[in-house]
Amino acid sequence: MPAIPTAPAPSPDRFLLARRHRLAFSSPSPPSQHLRILPTGLLRLPARPRAAPMSTEARAPAPPVAPPAHPTYDLRAVIALALSEDAGDRGDVSCLATIPSDVEAEATFIAKADGVIAGISLADMIFNQVDPSLKVEWFESDGNYVHKGLQFGKVYGCARSIIVAERVVLNFMQRMSGIATLTKAMSDAARPACILETRKTAPGLRLVDKWAVLIGGGKNHRLGLFDMVMIKDNHISVAGGIANAMRSVDQFLEKEKLTVPVEVETRTIEEVKDVLKYAAENKTSLTRIMLDNMVVPLPNGDVDVSMLKDAVQLINGRFETEASGNVTIDTVKKIGETGVSYISSGALTHSVKALDISLKIDTELALQVGRRTNRA
């Protein structure tokens, strides 16, 4: 996992209670290394039965998928902001009013729908940021497929801390799992082409969204404006044509001594020919040609990919190719069969349906705590 810059520590009462929460981050341990013994004093009842796993392979521990490396993104600061918008300037008044500070609890993660789980490593970071004494145990790994009703993790410790972290953890995990689920489905259908997301991500959640794509089996497009030259229609219009835009890029990269991938957007076969002509006559840094909206929807709901296929054959492996536009779970298989290298889809992140997940504190334990509190 890349180094993550340290975020300023919040004031003690921002998240909850009279407990100071540090922001020091430690890499999440593999599931097999998580502490499985409850903290002293925790009321432990027999665990609820877990749903049967889909298969031994589906439950096999997998190495954590690291987030994309980004030079400035502060993941802990994003977590702190999410916690702060919940806590405001008073903290969790519901917990403060109803739950004694010394009560400990056990809560279970339950999948409420079938899909691919994502965000387990991020959930570890959130729990650690809220309360480092919380203990988390996972029965699945990021990228595993889960069925509705499966109990795939538990968290033990201070009840107030668990509840404070609950919504932030679930918000991230549900979004990431939705992205990973769609990415997995599209990746499987698109083979041998690779699925990419775009920059159409939730503001402030760019790295988190792209992390979920990796967990789902896709690959990342550029992270931002800094790590790839992407010559799009507006650049071409202002530059006065594709050849002029490409020439300016080659001159700029040579002058600045930069080595980054270069992609150019094309919308017609003629534009593809213009790119190939320029590349044949000039030394160029071009690495990929985007074939934009060459997938044409048909009235019957099907798509015509003949222009895309012709473009791929014309390029003939001289550059990577990327199909973009009119990419859906229903069309991606046909697009992948054209021989294109990559297929990018903004829908992976801008129109994602969250995967429903819940975190439930043990009901019998809660009743025992309530009786004990009332007696006191």
Protein backbone atom coordinates (compact mmCIF):
# COMPACT_ATOMS: atom_id res chain seq x y z
CA MET A 1 0.00 0.00 0.00
CA PRO A 2 1.42 3.43 -0.86
CA ALA A 3 2.35 5.85 1.89
CA ILE A 4 -0.61 7.93 3.00
CA PRO A 5 0.08 11.45 4.32
CA THR A 6 -0.88 12.10 7.91
CA ALA A 7 -4.07 14.05 8.48
CA PRO A 8 -4.39 16.52 11.38
CA ALA A 9 -5.80 14.86 14.48
CA PRO A 10 -9.37 15.90 15.37
CA SER A 11 -10.33 17.24 18.77
CA PRO A 12 -11.22 14.52 21.33
CA ASP A 13 -14.96 15.12 21.24
CA ARG A 14 -15.43 15.27 17.49
CA PHE A 15 -16.32 11.61 17.03
CA LEU A 16 -17.69 10.60 20.47
CA LEU A 17 -17.22 10.38 24.22
CA ALA A 18 -14.28 11.34 26.37
CA ARG A 19 -11.93 9.14 24.32
CA ARG A 20 -9.08 10.57 22.25
CA HIS A 21 -8.83 9.01 18.80
CA ARG A 22 -5.47 8.97 17.11
CA LEU A 23 -5.06 8.99 13.32
CA ALA A 24 -1.91 6.86 13.16
CA PHE A 25 -2.47 4.26 10.47
CA SER A 26 -1.24 0.71 10.46
CA SER A 27 -1.72 -1.61 7.52
CA PRO A 28 -4.67 -3.96 8.01
CA SER A 29 -3.59 -7.46 9.01
CA PRO A 30 -4.62 -10.45 6.93
CA PRO A 31 -7.85 -12.02 8.25
CA SER A 32 -5.95 -14.93 9.82
CA GLN A 33 -3.98 -12.54 12.04
CA HIS A 34 -6.95 -10.70 13.52
CA LEU A 35 -7.43 -11.14 17.26
CA ARG A 36 -10.15 -13.70 17.78
CA ILE A 37 -10.37 -13.49 21.60
CA LEU A 38 -12.85 -10.97 22.98
CA PRO A 39 -11.58 -8.11 25.16
CA THR A 40 -11.92 -8.63 28.91
CA GLY A 41 -15.43 -7.95 30.19
CA LEU A 42 -17.23 -8.34 26.85
CA LEU A 43 -20.50 -10.23 27.14
CA ARG A 44 -20.22 -13.03 24.57
CA LEU A 45 -23.17 -15.17 23.56
CA PRO A 46 -23.09 -18.04 21.05
CA ALA A 47 -22.45 -16.73 17.57
CA ARG A 48 -25.32 -16.65 15.11
CA PRO A 49 -25.15 -19.37 12.45
CA ARG A 50 -23.37 -18.16 9.34
CA ALA A 51 -24.82 -18.82 5.90
CA ALA A 52 -23.14 -21.61 3.98
CA PRO A 53 -20.31 -20.36 1.76
CA MET A 54 -20.73 -20.45 -2.00
CA SER A 55 -17.62 -22.59 -2.40
CA THR A 56 -14.25 -23.30 -0.79
CA GLU A 57 -12.60 -21.26 -3.53
CA ALA A 58 -14.86 -18.26 -2.90
CA ARG A 59 -13.89 -18.25 0.80
CA ALA A 60 -10.15 -18.77 0.35
CA PRO A 61 -8.13 -15.90 1.87
CA ALA A 62 -6.79 -13.54 -0.78
CA PRO A 63 -4.00 -10.96 -0.59
CA PRO A 64 -5.38 -7.46 0.06
CA VAL A 65 -5.82 -5.31 -3.05
CA ALA A 66 -3.85 -2.10 -2.50
CA PRO A 67 -5.41 1.24 -3.45
CA PRO A 68 -4.04 3.02 -6.52
CA ALA A 69 -0.87 5.02 -5.81
CA HIS A 70 -1.62 8.76 -5.80
CA PRO A 71 0.90 11.52 -5.02
CA THR A 72 -1.42 13.80 -3.03
CA TYR A 73 -4.57 11.92 -2.02
CA ASP A 74 -4.91 11.70 1.79
CA LEU A 75 -7.13 8.70 2.52
CA ARG A 76 -7.11 9.22 6.29
CA ALA A 77 -8.22 12.82 5.82
CA VAL A 78 -11.15 11.61 3.70
CA ILE A 79 -12.13 9.21 6.49
CA ALA A 80 -11.79 11.99 9.07
CA LEU A 81 -14.03 14.25 6.97
CA ALA A 82 -16.69 11.54 6.72
CA LEU A 83 -16.62 11.02 10.49
CA SER A 84 -16.64 14.75 11.14
CA GLU A 85 -19.72 15.42 9.00
CA ASP A 86 -21.54 12.83 11.12
CA ALA A 87 -20.24 14.05 14.49
CA GLY A 88 -20.57 17.79 13.93
CA ASP A 89 -19.62 19.80 17.01
CA ARG A 90 -21.39 17.58 19.59
CA GLY A 91 -20.59 13.99 18.72
CA ASP A 92 -23.14 11.17 18.66
CA VAL A 93 -25.85 12.51 20.95
CA SER A 94 -27.96 9.36 20.45
CA CYS A 95 -25.18 7.14 21.80
CA LEU A 96 -24.33 9.56 24.57
CA ALA A 97 -27.97 9.53 25.66
CA THR A 98 -28.67 5.80 25.50
CA ILE A 99 -25.46 3.77 25.86
CA PRO A 100 -23.19 3.81 28.93
CA SER A 101 -19.57 4.54 28.08
CA ASP A 102 -18.27 1.25 29.51
CA VAL A 103 -20.60 -1.06 27.56
CA GLU A 104 -18.95 -3.35 25.06
CA ALA A 105 -20.66 -5.15 22.20
CA GLU A 106 -20.34 -7.51 19.28
CA ALA A 107 -21.73 -6.59 15.86
CA THR A 108 -22.01 -8.68 12.70
CA PHE A 109 -21.68 -7.67 9.04
CA ILE A 110 -24.47 -9.21 6.94
CA ALA A 111 -24.79 -9.15 3.15
CA LYS A 112 -28.34 -8.12 2.22
CA ALA A 113 -27.84 -8.94 -1.47
CA ASP A 114 -25.63 -11.08 -3.69
CA GLY A 115 -22.47 -9.38 -4.91
CA VAL A 116 -18.75 -8.76 -4.61
CA ILE A 117 -17.53 -7.44 -1.27
CA ALA A 118 -15.18 -4.46 -1.37
CA GLY A 119 -13.93 -2.04 1.26
CA ILE A 120 -12.78 -4.47 3.94
CA SER A 121 -9.31 -2.91 4.12
CA LEU A 122 -10.87 0.56 4.23
CA ALA A 123 -13.27 -0.54 6.99
CA ASP A 124 -10.27 -1.64 9.05
CA MET A 125 -8.81 1.85 8.65
CA ILE A 126 -12.07 3.51 9.71
CA PHE A 127 -12.51 1.37 12.83
CA ASN A 128 -8.88 2.01 13.75
CA GLN A 129 -9.34 5.74 13.24
CA VAL A 130 -12.47 5.85 15.42
CA ASP A 131 -11.15 3.59 18.17
CA PRO A 132 -7.89 1.61 17.94
CA SER A 133 -9.10 -0.79 20.65
CA LEU A 134 -11.84 -2.22 18.41
CA LYS A 135 -11.16 -5.75 17.17
CA VAL A 136 -12.35 -6.76 13.70
CA GLU A 137 -12.61 -10.29 12.31
CA TRP A 138 -13.41 -11.01 8.64
CA PHE A 139 -14.63 -14.29 7.18
CA GLU A 140 -14.29 -13.07 3.59
CA SER A 141 -11.73 -11.02 1.63
CA ASP A 142 -12.08 -8.02 -0.68
CA GLY A 143 -13.15 -9.34 -4.08
CA ASN A 144 -15.00 -12.41 -2.76
CA TYR A 145 -18.53 -13.09 -3.97
CA VAL A 146 -21.12 -13.27 -1.18
CA HIS A 147 -24.74 -14.37 -1.08
CA LYS A 148 -27.64 -12.59 0.57
CA GLY A 149 -27.75 -13.47 4.27
CA LEU A 150 -24.07 -14.30 4.62
CA GLN A 151 -22.41 -13.09 7.82
CA PHE A 152 -18.97 -12.09 6.60
CA GLY A 153 -17.39 -10.22 9.50
CA LYS A 154 -17.61 -9.14 13.13
CA VAL A 155 -16.41 -6.21 15.20
CA TYR A 156 -15.93 -6.31 18.98
CA GLY A 157 -15.41 -3.56 21.53
CA CYS A 158 -16.88 -0.32 22.82
CA ALA A 159 -20.54 -0.19 21.75
CA ARG A 160 -20.47 3.56 21.27
CA SER A 161 -17.42 3.35 19.03
CA ILE A 162 -18.98 0.63 16.88
CA ILE A 163 -22.14 2.65 16.35
CA VAL A 164 -20.22 5.86 15.58
CA ALA A 165 -18.19 4.03 12.92
CA GLU A 166 -21.14 2.01 11.58
CA ARG A 167 -22.65 4.38 9.00
CA VAL A 168 -19.33 5.66 7.66
CA VAL A 169 -18.05 2.09 7.25
CA LEU A 170 -21.26 0.97 5.55
CA ASN A 171 -21.44 4.01 3.25
CA PHE A 172 -17.96 3.31 1.93
CA MET A 173 -18.38 -0.47 1.76
CA GLN A 174 -21.79 -0.37 0.07
CA ARG A 175 -20.58 2.00 -2.65
CA MET A 176 -17.31 0.14 -3.17
CA SER A 177 -19.09 -3.23 -3.25
CA GLY A 178 -21.59 -1.94 -5.82
CA ILE A 179 -18.74 -0.74 -8.04
CA ALA A 180 -16.83 -4.00 -7.59
CA THR A 181 -19.92 -6.09 -8.36
CA LEU A 182 -20.63 -4.31 -11.65
CA THR A 183 -16.93 -4.27 -12.56
CA LYS A 184 -16.69 -8.02 -12.01
CA ALA A 185 -19.74 -8.71 -14.19
CA MET A 186 -18.49 -6.45 -16.99
CA SER A 187 -14.92 -7.76 -16.79
CA ASP A 188 -16.11 -11.34 -17.12
CA ALA A 189 -18.29 -10.47 -20.11
CA ALA A 190 -15.66 -8.31 -21.86
CA ARG A 191 -12.80 -10.79 -21.99
CA PRO A 192 -10.27 -10.75 -23.55
CA ALA A 193 -10.65 -6.94 -23.41
CA CYS A 194 -9.89 -5.20 -20.07
CA ILE A 195 -12.49 -3.04 -18.32
CA LEU A 196 -11.53 0.49 -17.24
CA GLU A 197 -13.39 3.13 -15.27
CA THR A 198 -13.19 6.86 -16.08
CA ARG A 199 -12.81 10.12 -14.13
CA LYS A 200 -16.59 10.19 -13.63
CA THR A 201 -16.20 9.48 -9.93
CA ALA A 202 -17.83 10.98 -6.83
CA PRO A 203 -16.00 14.23 -5.97
CA GLY A 204 -13.47 13.56 -3.23
CA LEU A 205 -13.81 9.78 -3.60
CA ARG A 206 -11.70 9.33 -6.74
CA LEU A 207 -9.20 6.96 -5.16
CA VAL A 208 -11.85 5.00 -3.27
CA ASP A 209 -13.95 4.48 -6.42
CA LYS A 210 -10.93 3.41 -8.46
CA TRP A 211 -9.81 1.10 -5.66
CA ALA A 212 -13.18 -0.65 -5.90
CA VAL A 213 -12.68 -1.16 -9.64
CA LEU A 214 -9.39 -2.94 -8.95
CA ILE A 215 -11.07 -5.13 -6.35
CA GLY A 216 -13.73 -6.04 -8.92
CA GLY A 217 -11.13 -7.19 -11.42
CA GLY A 218 -10.93 -4.12 -13.64
CA LYS A 219 -7.96 -1.87 -14.34
CA ASN A 220 -7.55 1.84 -13.72
CA HIS A 221 -7.63 4.51 -16.39
CA ARG A 222 -5.75 7.69 -15.53
CA LEU A 223 -6.13 8.80 -11.92
CA GLY A 224 -6.39 12.47 -12.85
CA LEU A 225 -5.11 15.15 -15.14
CA PHE A 226 -1.49 14.60 -14.08
CA ASP A 227 -0.61 11.03 -15.00
CA MET A 228 -1.63 10.73 -18.66
CA VAL A 229 -1.92 13.03 -21.66
CA MET A 230 -5.41 12.51 -23.04
CA ILE A 231 -6.12 14.47 -26.21
CA LYS A 232 -9.90 14.84 -26.32
CA ASP A 233 -12.30 16.58 -28.69
CA ASN A 234 -11.98 19.98 -27.00
CA HIS A 235 -8.17 19.87 -27.14
CA ILE A 236 -8.37 18.91 -30.82
CA SER A 237 -10.81 21.71 -31.62
CA VAL A 238 -8.69 24.39 -29.94
CA ALA A 239 -5.45 23.05 -31.46
CA GLY A 240 -6.91 23.08 -34.98
CA GLY A 241 -6.99 19.35 -35.67
CA ILE A 242 -5.65 15.99 -34.51
CA ALA A 243 -2.24 16.33 -36.15
CA ASN A 244 -1.65 19.76 -34.58
CA ALA A 245 -2.72 18.53 -31.15
CA MET A 246 -0.47 15.48 -31.33
CA ARG A 247 2.49 17.53 -32.54
CA SER A 248 2.06 19.96 -29.64
CA VAL A 249 1.96 17.07 -27.17
CA ASP A 250 5.12 15.49 -28.57
CA GLN A 251 6.93 18.83 -28.42
CA PHE A 252 5.74 19.51 -24.87
CA LEU A 253 6.81 16.11 -23.54
CA GLU A 254 10.20 16.39 -25.17
CA LYS A 255 10.75 19.88 -23.80
CA GLU A 256 9.64 18.94 -20.27
CA LYS A 257 11.46 15.57 -20.42
CA LEU A 258 8.26 13.81 -19.35
CA THR A 259 7.41 10.20 -19.99
CA VAL A 260 3.70 9.52 -19.54
CA PRO A 261 1.14 7.54 -21.54
CA VAL A 262 -0.52 9.46 -24.38
CA GLU A 263 -4.02 8.77 -25.65
CA VAL A 264 -5.92 10.49 -28.43
CA GLU A 265 -9.68 10.41 -28.94
CA THR A 266 -11.08 9.57 -32.37
CA ARG A 267 -14.72 9.53 -33.44
CA THR A 268 -14.58 8.42 -37.07
CA ILE A 269 -12.54 6.13 -39.28
CA GLU A 270 -11.14 9.24 -40.99
CA GLU A 271 -9.81 10.53 -37.69
CA VAL A 272 -8.19 7.14 -37.02
CA LYS A 273 -6.48 7.42 -40.43
CA ASP A 274 -5.28 10.93 -39.56
CA VAL A 275 -3.71 9.64 -36.34
CA LEU A 276 -2.01 6.75 -38.11
CA LYS A 277 -0.73 9.06 -40.84
CA TYR A 278 0.79 11.43 -38.27
CA ALA A 279 2.36 8.52 -36.37
CA ALA A 280 3.87 7.11 -39.56
CA GLU A 281 5.49 10.42 -40.46
CA ASN A 282 6.63 11.59 -37.02
CA LYS A 283 8.31 10.33 -33.90
CA THR A 284 5.48 10.27 -31.38
CA SER A 285 4.77 9.40 -27.76
CA LEU A 286 1.30 8.09 -28.62
CA THR A 287 0.43 4.85 -26.80
CA ARG A 288 -3.34 4.43 -27.18
CA ILE A 289 -6.15 5.41 -29.53
CA MET A 290 -9.62 5.91 -28.07
CA LEU A 291 -12.45 4.84 -30.39
CA ASP A 292 -15.27 6.99 -29.06
CA ASN A 293 -18.94 6.28 -29.78
CA MET A 294 -18.11 3.78 -32.51
CA VAL A 295 -20.62 1.47 -30.86
CA VAL A 296 -23.93 2.47 -32.46
CA PRO A 297 -27.22 1.65 -30.69
CA LEU A 298 -29.91 -0.01 -32.81
CA PRO A 299 -33.70 0.41 -32.47
CA ASN A 300 -34.08 -3.22 -31.36
CA GLY A 301 -31.79 -2.66 -28.36
CA ASP A 302 -28.77 -4.30 -29.96
CA VAL A 303 -25.63 -2.42 -31.03
CA ASP A 304 -23.72 -2.19 -34.29
CA VAL A 305 -19.97 -2.61 -33.67
CA SER A 306 -18.88 -2.77 -37.31
CA MET A 307 -17.19 0.65 -37.27
CA LEU A 308 -15.35 -0.23 -34.06
CA LYS A 309 -14.19 -3.51 -35.54
CA ASP A 310 -12.99 -1.78 -38.72
CA ALA A 311 -11.03 0.75 -36.64
CA VAL A 312 -9.36 -2.00 -34.58
CA GLN A 313 -8.37 -3.83 -37.77
CA LEU A 314 -7.04 -0.60 -39.31
CA ILE A 315 -4.83 0.09 -36.27
CA ASN A 316 -3.69 -3.55 -36.42
CA GLY A 317 -1.91 -3.64 -33.07
CA ARG A 318 0.32 -0.61 -33.69
CA PHE A 319 -1.24 1.08 -30.66
CA GLU A 320 -3.47 0.05 -27.77
CA THR A 321 -7.15 0.61 -28.50
CA GLU A 322 -9.94 1.70 -26.16
CA ALA A 323 -13.67 1.58 -26.86
CA SER A 324 -15.80 4.21 -25.16
CA GLY A 325 -19.46 5.11 -25.34
CA ASN A 326 -22.65 3.01 -25.21
CA VAL A 327 -20.95 0.47 -22.93
CA THR A 328 -23.39 -1.45 -20.73
CA ILE A 329 -23.53 -4.89 -19.17
CA ASP A 330 -25.67 -5.91 -22.17
CA THR A 331 -23.32 -4.58 -24.87
CA VAL A 332 -19.88 -5.17 -23.39
CA LYS A 333 -19.53 -8.78 -24.57
CA LYS A 334 -20.12 -7.82 -28.20
CA ILE A 335 -17.70 -4.89 -27.85
CA GLY A 336 -15.02 -7.14 -26.38
CA GLU A 337 -15.32 -9.52 -29.32
CA THR A 338 -14.10 -6.82 -31.74
CA GLY A 339 -10.49 -7.23 -30.59
CA VAL A 340 -10.28 -3.88 -28.78
CA SER A 341 -7.65 -3.75 -25.98
CA TYR A 342 -9.68 -1.82 -23.40
CA ILE A 343 -13.29 -0.87 -22.78
CA SER A 344 -13.97 2.15 -20.57
CA SER A 345 -17.26 2.74 -18.81
CA GLY A 346 -18.27 5.77 -16.77
CA ALA A 347 -21.26 3.82 -15.47
CA LEU A 348 -18.98 1.78 -13.21
CA THR A 349 -18.68 4.77 -10.88
CA HIS A 350 -21.19 7.47 -11.86
CA SER A 351 -24.34 5.31 -11.85
CA VAL A 352 -23.43 2.59 -9.41
CA LYS A 353 -26.09 0.77 -7.39
CA ALA A 354 -24.82 0.26 -3.86
CA LEU A 355 -24.72 -3.29 -2.51
CA ASP A 356 -26.93 -3.52 0.57
CA ILE A 357 -24.95 -4.43 3.72
CA SER A 358 -25.91 -4.17 7.38
CA LEU A 359 -24.00 -4.15 10.67
CA LYS A 360 -26.13 -5.51 13.52
CA ILE A 361 -25.28 -5.52 17.21
CA ASP A 362 -26.23 -8.83 18.89
CA THR A 363 -29.85 -8.41 20.05
CA GLU A 364 -29.62 -10.70 23.08
CA LEU A 365 -26.49 -8.90 24.22
CA ALA A 366 -28.27 -5.55 23.84
CA LEU A 367 -31.18 -6.80 25.97
CA GLN A 368 -28.79 -7.96 28.71
CA VAL A 369 -27.10 -4.56 28.67
CA GLY A 370 -30.46 -2.79 28.90
CA ARG A 371 -31.54 -4.90 31.90
CA ARG A 372 -28.20 -4.29 33.60
CA THR A 373 -28.46 -0.52 32.99
CA ASN A 374 -32.03 -0.37 34.33
CA ARG A 375 -31.04 -2.25 37.49
CA ALA A 376 -28.24 0.24 38.06
